[in-house]
């Protein structure tokens, strides 16, 4: 499974994600452990209580992202982390279950990852993939996941072979 997890507005937490090998829900609020909520319906209630929203679309959008992060992501899944303006991506593998941490920043809800590759250029992806990766959500499963993984694999092989030629 492949996911995209943005690092906050303008990728504000990108370096922290990479340097500390984690991904997070970088949203204000939700300052409590979400592990006890097991269904999408319960996550909808969490969003309504936290944000005071009554717009069904907004509630569904927020709740589905929380549910995906806390319950659907699995160890061994891959995660693309976009840098600022999505010029490059880091590819990581999820290495832990969801965890809540009581910290002063907005990074309460985390999963630890193993960063596999950094600086994957946006340009290696087809136009369709670039559009898919540009989705507005913080956490989502991108369209064309197989193409994305194949493209990254090709990029890695090309990068390694160029290094061998120059080394």
Protein backbone atom coordinates (compact mmCIF):
# COMPACT_ATOMS: atom_id res chain seq x y z
CA UNK A 1 0.00 0.00 0.00
CA UNK A 2 1.21 3.51 -0.78
CA UNK A 3 0.21 6.64 1.11
CA UNK A 4 1.07 10.33 0.90
CA UNK A 5 1.55 12.23 4.16
CA UNK A 6 2.12 15.97 3.95
CA UNK A 7 4.37 17.63 6.51
CA UNK A 8 2.11 20.56 7.40
CA UNK A 9 1.51 23.83 5.61
CA UNK A 10 4.37 24.59 3.23
CA UNK A 11 5.96 21.33 4.45
CA UNK A 12 6.91 23.07 7.70
CA UNK A 13 7.71 19.76 9.42
CA UNK A 14 9.45 18.07 6.47
CA UNK A 15 12.95 18.21 7.96
CA UNK A 16 11.65 17.03 11.33
CA UNK A 17 9.86 14.10 9.69
CA UNK A 18 13.04 13.08 7.86
CA UNK A 19 15.49 13.73 10.71
CA UNK A 20 13.40 11.97 13.38
CA UNK A 21 12.05 9.22 11.09
CA UNK A 22 8.40 9.91 11.72
CA UNK A 23 5.22 11.04 10.03
CA UNK A 24 2.44 12.83 11.87
CA UNK A 25 -0.93 14.49 11.66
CA UNK A 26 0.31 18.09 11.88
CA UNK A 27 -3.04 19.62 12.86
CA UNK A 28 -3.82 21.85 15.80
CA UNK A 29 -6.14 20.32 18.36
CA UNK A 30 -6.87 16.65 18.90
CA UNK A 31 -4.59 16.74 21.96
CA UNK A 32 -5.51 13.25 23.14
CA UNK A 33 -4.90 9.63 22.19
CA UNK A 34 -7.08 8.51 19.28
CA UNK A 35 -6.26 4.81 19.55
CA UNK A 36 -9.51 4.00 21.38
CA UNK A 37 -11.63 5.03 18.39
CA UNK A 38 -12.15 2.07 16.08
CA UNK A 39 -14.62 3.13 13.41
CA UNK A 40 -14.96 5.88 10.86
CA UNK A 41 -18.23 6.84 12.53
CA UNK A 42 -16.43 7.42 15.83
CA UNK A 43 -13.80 9.52 14.07
CA UNK A 44 -16.61 11.63 12.61
CA UNK A 45 -17.82 12.28 16.16
CA UNK A 46 -14.27 13.21 17.19
CA UNK A 47 -14.07 15.79 14.37
CA UNK A 48 -17.51 17.23 15.17
CA UNK A 49 -16.60 17.58 18.85
CA UNK A 50 -13.11 18.97 18.18
CA UNK A 51 -13.86 21.34 15.32
CA UNK A 52 -17.53 22.12 15.87
CA UNK A 53 -18.19 21.41 12.20
CA UNK A 54 -21.62 20.59 10.85
CA UNK A 55 -20.69 20.39 7.17
CA UNK A 56 -20.91 16.68 6.30
CA UNK A 57 -18.27 16.92 3.56
CA UNK A 58 -15.72 18.63 5.82
CA UNK A 59 -16.42 16.23 8.68
CA UNK A 60 -16.03 13.24 6.34
CA UNK A 61 -12.79 14.62 4.88
CA UNK A 62 -11.14 15.22 8.28
CA UNK A 63 -12.47 11.99 9.82
CA UNK A 64 -11.34 9.80 6.93
CA UNK A 65 -7.80 11.17 7.18
CA UNK A 66 -7.67 10.54 10.94
CA UNK A 67 -9.10 7.05 10.44
CA UNK A 68 -6.58 6.29 7.68
CA UNK A 69 -3.63 7.46 9.78
CA UNK A 70 -4.67 5.77 13.02
CA UNK A 71 -6.30 2.58 11.75
CA UNK A 72 -5.70 1.85 8.06
CA UNK A 73 -1.99 2.52 7.63
CA UNK A 74 0.02 -0.59 8.43
CA UNK A 75 3.63 -1.41 9.18
CA UNK A 76 5.36 -2.14 5.88
CA UNK A 77 3.22 0.31 3.88
CA UNK A 78 5.11 2.94 1.90
CA UNK A 79 4.68 6.67 2.44
CA UNK A 80 5.67 9.52 0.13
CA UNK A 81 6.47 12.73 1.99
CA UNK A 82 6.39 15.82 -0.25
CA UNK A 83 8.87 18.62 0.36
CA UNK A 84 7.91 22.30 0.03
CA UNK A 85 5.98 22.89 -3.22
CA UNK A 86 6.32 19.12 -3.83
CA UNK A 87 9.56 19.66 -5.75
CA UNK A 88 11.00 16.45 -4.28
CA UNK A 89 9.71 13.52 -2.27
CA UNK A 90 11.05 11.19 0.37
CA UNK A 91 9.99 7.55 0.29
CA UNK A 92 9.57 5.92 3.69
CA UNK A 93 8.28 2.64 5.05
CA UNK A 94 5.98 2.61 8.08
CA UNK A 95 7.79 0.99 11.00
CA UNK A 96 5.29 1.41 13.87
CA UNK A 97 1.65 1.45 14.76
CA UNK A 98 -0.09 4.73 15.56
CA UNK A 99 1.17 6.43 18.73
CA UNK A 100 0.09 9.46 20.70
CA UNK A 101 2.80 11.64 22.22
CA UNK A 102 2.12 14.43 24.70
CA UNK A 103 4.42 17.13 23.32
CA UNK A 104 4.26 20.90 23.02
CA UNK A 105 4.23 20.91 19.21
CA UNK A 106 1.26 19.90 17.04
CA UNK A 107 2.88 16.53 16.31
CA UNK A 108 0.87 14.49 18.82
CA UNK A 109 -0.22 11.73 16.46
CA UNK A 110 2.73 9.89 14.94
CA UNK A 111 3.98 6.77 13.24
CA UNK A 112 7.66 6.00 13.04
CA UNK A 113 9.08 5.28 9.62
CA UNK A 114 12.27 4.13 7.97
CA UNK A 115 13.34 6.74 5.44
CA UNK A 116 14.40 4.81 2.35
CA UNK A 117 15.13 7.52 -0.24
CA UNK A 118 15.17 11.31 -0.24
CA UNK A 119 15.25 13.92 -2.98
CA UNK A 120 13.15 11.98 -5.50
CA UNK A 121 12.48 14.69 -8.12
CA UNK A 122 8.90 15.50 -9.01
CA UNK A 123 9.83 15.50 -12.71
CA UNK A 124 10.42 11.73 -12.78
CA UNK A 125 6.66 11.22 -12.49
CA UNK A 126 4.18 11.43 -15.36
CA UNK A 127 1.86 14.43 -15.53
CA UNK A 128 -1.05 12.28 -14.32
CA UNK A 129 0.91 11.14 -11.28
CA UNK A 130 1.99 14.70 -10.52
CA UNK A 131 -1.67 15.78 -10.52
CA UNK A 132 -2.58 12.83 -8.30
CA UNK A 133 0.18 13.70 -5.82
CA UNK A 134 -1.03 17.30 -5.73
CA UNK A 135 -4.27 16.39 -3.96
CA UNK A 136 -5.25 18.82 -1.23
CA UNK A 137 -5.51 16.32 1.60
CA UNK A 138 -2.85 15.79 4.27
CA UNK A 139 -3.10 11.99 4.23
CA UNK A 140 -4.33 10.00 1.25
CA UNK A 141 -3.79 7.00 -1.00
CA UNK A 142 -2.68 8.38 -4.37
CA UNK A 143 -4.02 7.17 -7.69
CA UNK A 144 -1.51 5.30 -9.87
CA UNK A 145 0.29 3.73 -6.88
CA UNK A 146 1.84 0.96 -9.01
CA UNK A 147 3.15 3.51 -11.51
CA UNK A 148 4.57 5.64 -8.69
CA UNK A 149 6.45 2.70 -7.15
CA UNK A 150 7.74 1.57 -10.57
CA UNK A 151 8.91 5.10 -11.39
CA UNK A 152 10.74 5.40 -8.07
CA UNK A 153 12.33 1.98 -8.64
CA UNK A 154 13.54 3.12 -12.08
CA UNK A 155 14.82 6.40 -10.63
CA UNK A 156 16.77 4.52 -7.94
CA UNK A 157 18.31 2.16 -10.51
CA UNK A 158 19.23 5.05 -12.82
CA UNK A 159 20.72 7.02 -9.92
CA UNK A 160 22.77 4.02 -8.76
CA UNK A 161 24.01 3.23 -12.27
CA UNK A 162 25.05 6.87 -12.84
CA UNK A 163 26.91 6.78 -9.52
CA UNK A 164 28.72 3.60 -10.53
CA UNK A 165 29.72 5.15 -13.87
CA UNK A 166 31.11 8.24 -12.13
CA UNK A 167 32.62 6.42 -9.16
